């Protein structure tokens, strides 16, 4: 009985250790930094810098609630 309890305890602690390690690695990447924003003729633009990828992203949104935000434009810095 104690062997079974010990094996279950070791399995639970091992699973928790893997979970904690995965959480640390997931939080290690820094978030993107907002650079600025602008708008012209009802279309808004927001610029973001990702230091991990050394890339600049541009997000665009139009007027109205039906328009979605488009953040596919990307440029990698040398």
C-alpha atoms as a PDB file:
ATOM      1  CA  UNK A   1       0.000   0.000   0.000  1.00  0.00           C
ATOM      2  CA  UNK A   2       2.774   2.453   0.832  1.00  0.00           C
ATOM      3  CA  UNK A   3       4.572   1.622  -2.410  1.00  0.00           C
ATOM      4  CA  UNK A   4       1.477   2.494  -4.429  1.00  0.00           C
ATOM      5  CA  UNK A   5       1.002   5.740  -2.495  1.00  0.00           C
ATOM      6  CA  UNK A   6       4.680   6.628  -2.988  1.00  0.00           C
ATOM      7  CA  UNK A   7       4.459   5.966  -6.746  1.00  0.00           C
ATOM      8  CA  UNK A   8       1.317   8.098  -7.032  1.00  0.00           C
ATOM      9  CA  UNK A   9       2.993  10.906  -5.067  1.00  0.00           C
ATOM     10  CA  UNK A  10       6.082  10.762  -7.301  1.00  0.00           C
ATOM     11  CA  UNK A  11       3.910  10.825 -10.443  1.00  0.00           C
ATOM     12  CA  UNK A  12       1.903  13.816  -9.193  1.00  0.00           C
ATOM     13  CA  UNK A  13       5.043  15.750  -8.198  1.00  0.00           C
ATOM     14  CA  UNK A  14       6.654  14.958 -11.572  1.00  0.00           C
ATOM     15  CA  UNK A  15       3.578  16.186 -13.446  1.00  0.00           C
ATOM     16  CA  UNK A  16       3.488  19.358 -11.384  1.00  0.00           C
ATOM     17  CA  UNK A  17       7.208  19.925 -12.068  1.00  0.00           C
ATOM     18  CA  UNK A  18       6.680  19.608 -15.820  1.00  0.00           C
ATOM     19  CA  UNK A  19       3.702  21.953 -15.640  1.00  0.00           C
ATOM     20  CA  UNK A  20       5.711  24.551 -13.679  1.00  0.00           C
ATOM     21  CA  UNK A  21       8.601  24.313 -16.161  1.00  0.00           C
ATOM     22  CA  UNK A  22       6.222  24.813 -19.100  1.00  0.00           C
ATOM     23  CA  UNK A  23       4.720  27.903 -17.442  1.00  0.00           C
ATOM     24  CA  UNK A  24       8.151  29.462 -16.956  1.00  0.00           C
ATOM     25  CA  UNK A  25       9.092  28.871 -20.601  1.00  0.00           C
ATOM     26  CA  UNK A  26       5.754  30.282 -21.828  1.00  0.00           C
ATOM     27  CA  UNK A  27       6.259  33.508 -19.874  1.00  0.00           C
ATOM     28  CA  UNK A  28       9.889  33.929 -20.964  1.00  0.00           C
ATOM     29  CA  UNK A  29       9.056  35.652 -24.251  1.00  0.00           C
ATOM     30  CA  UNK A  30       8.768  39.427 -23.844  1.00  0.00           C
ATOM     31  CA  UNK A  31       5.579  41.057 -25.086  1.00  0.00           C
ATOM     32  CA  UNK A  32       5.520  43.338 -28.100  1.00  0.00           C
ATOM     33  CA  UNK A  33       6.141  47.023 -27.485  1.00  0.00           C
ATOM     34  CA  UNK A  34       3.746  49.590 -28.947  1.00  0.00           C
ATOM     35  CA  UNK A  35       5.628  52.167 -31.010  1.00  0.00           C
ATOM     36  CA  UNK A  36       2.879  54.523 -32.052  1.00  0.00           C
ATOM     37  CA  UNK A  37      -0.388  54.935 -33.857  1.00  0.00           C
ATOM     38  CA  UNK A  38      -1.921  57.091 -36.542  1.00  0.00           C
ATOM     39  CA  UNK A  39      -5.110  57.409 -38.537  1.00  0.00           C
ATOM     40  CA  UNK A  40      -6.042  58.673 -41.963  1.00  0.00           C
ATOM     41  CA  UNK A  41      -9.455  58.830 -43.670  1.00  0.00           C
ATOM     42  CA  UNK A  42     -11.093  56.666 -40.997  1.00  0.00           C
ATOM     43  CA  UNK A  43      -8.462  53.921 -41.061  1.00  0.00           C
ATOM     44  CA  UNK A  44      -6.342  53.505 -37.933  1.00  0.00           C
ATOM     45  CA  UNK A  45      -2.825  52.088 -37.836  1.00  0.00           C
ATOM     46  CA  UNK A  46      -0.860  50.842 -34.821  1.00  0.00           C
ATOM     47  CA  UNK A  47       2.835  49.923 -34.894  1.00  0.00           C
ATOM     48  CA  UNK A  48       4.409  47.282 -32.622  1.00  0.00           C
ATOM     49  CA  UNK A  49       8.014  46.088 -32.130  1.00  0.00           C
ATOM     50  CA  UNK A  50       8.794  42.469 -31.172  1.00  0.00           C
ATOM     51  CA  UNK A  51      12.288  42.336 -29.670  1.00  0.00           C
ATOM     52  CA  UNK A  52      12.444  38.511 -29.729  1.00  0.00           C
ATOM     53  CA  UNK A  53      11.999  38.356 -33.528  1.00  0.00           C
ATOM     54  CA  UNK A  54      13.445  41.835 -34.226  1.00  0.00           C
ATOM     55  CA  UNK A  55      10.317  42.559 -36.248  1.00  0.00           C
ATOM     56  CA  UNK A  56       7.936  45.479 -36.652  1.00  0.00           C
ATOM     57  CA  UNK A  57       4.211  44.776 -37.061  1.00  0.00           C
ATOM     58  CA  UNK A  58       1.544  47.097 -38.438  1.00  0.00           C
ATOM     59  CA  UNK A  59      -2.083  46.578 -37.430  1.00  0.00           C
ATOM     60  CA  UNK A  60      -4.860  48.229 -39.430  1.00  0.00           C
ATOM     61  CA  UNK A  61      -8.498  48.767 -38.473  1.00  0.00           C
ATOM     62  CA  UNK A  62     -11.237  50.470 -40.481  1.00  0.00           C
ATOM     63  CA  UNK A  63     -14.418  52.262 -39.505  1.00  0.00           C
ATOM     64  CA  UNK A  64     -17.425  50.423 -38.132  1.00  0.00           C
ATOM     65  CA  UNK A  65     -17.875  47.406 -35.914  1.00  0.00           C
ATOM     66  CA  UNK A  66     -17.877  44.956 -38.841  1.00  0.00           C
ATOM     67  CA  UNK A  67     -14.236  45.671 -39.759  1.00  0.00           C
ATOM     68  CA  UNK A  68     -11.688  43.329 -38.232  1.00  0.00           C
ATOM     69  CA  UNK A  69      -8.198  44.234 -37.105  1.00  0.00           C
ATOM     70  CA  UNK A  70      -5.533  43.136 -39.598  1.00  0.00           C
ATOM     71  CA  UNK A  71      -2.007  42.587 -38.175  1.00  0.00           C
ATOM     72  CA  UNK A  72      -0.430  40.546 -40.962  1.00  0.00           C
ATOM     73  CA  UNK A  73       2.006  43.223 -42.187  1.00  0.00           C
ATOM     74  CA  UNK A  74       5.462  42.434 -40.792  1.00  0.00           C
ATOM     75  CA  UNK A  75       8.995  43.574 -41.500  1.00  0.00           C
ATOM     76  CA  UNK A  76      12.088  41.933 -39.995  1.00  0.00           C
ATOM     77  CA  UNK A  77      14.910  44.277 -39.048  1.00  0.00           C
ATOM     78  CA  UNK A  78      18.488  43.450 -40.077  1.00  0.00           C
END
